[in-house]
Amino acid sequence: MQLDHAFTVPADPDTAWTLFQDLARVAPCMPGAVLDTLDGDAFTGRVKVKVGAVQMSYRGEGRVTRDEATHTMLLDLSGSEARGSGTAAAKVTATLTADPAGTRVRVATDLDITGRPAQFGRGIMAEVGDRIVQQFATRLEALLRDGEPVATTPSATTSTTSATSATSAGAAPVPSAVPTTAGSAAVRPAAEPEAVDLGAAVLPVLLRRAAVPAAAVLVSLVVIRLLNRRSRR
């Protein structure tokens, strides 16, 4: 399943690239995710998602490859449900390019997922991904501005700021941090991740898609009823 997203951060490409190298600082910006260990380019972590009353926790690992010349990062991720048979694997390519408002980040994801989330299909997963990316972009903007991600509720629909809303702010310097590109890096004690609510994002999509066939059925029923009335006359 191929998914494509993009957003803008209010910083020049070099500043944004430096920030993205620090996985320990960027990881908390991702809704529902917690970074457990970080050793050079390898890391482990957890992701928790919620669909209605059902919660799913994934444990996984990943490795990042960087190309500084093109400001491109490749993340190779894999994981499995902590309690269940579902699995997830993804190759994520993030490319940073100059933009009049700062830096444009294009994210291409090749996703392979099994288990309960697989039932949603590409269309719904793409829309859910859009909402999660919007929230991620909002937190990145706060990280650039204040040095810490903005506190938000763990819902894929809580962000009312567009992924491009970061264009309204000027570039800001990245606060100093311990480098994480070589050797082992200190990671804050991992807390239990707060579940990102996929159900809150999926439900509006399902309702919107169901609206057209539902309207067609309603119109058909009205037409049939009118024809029946005429035939009785």
Foldseek 3Di string as FASTA:
>chain_A
DKAKDKFDAQAALVQVLQVVQACLQLQVLQFQKWWAWAFAQKTKIKGWAAAVPDIWIKTWMWGWDADVVQSKIWIWIWIATPPDGKIKTKIKIWTWDGDPLHIMIMIMIDMDIDDDVVVLDDVLVNQLVQLSLLSSLQQVNCCQVPVHGDDDAQESNGDPAGSHNNSVDHHGHHDDDDGRNHGTDDHPHIDRHHHYYSNVSRVVVVVVVVVVVVVVVVVVVVVVVVVVVVVVD
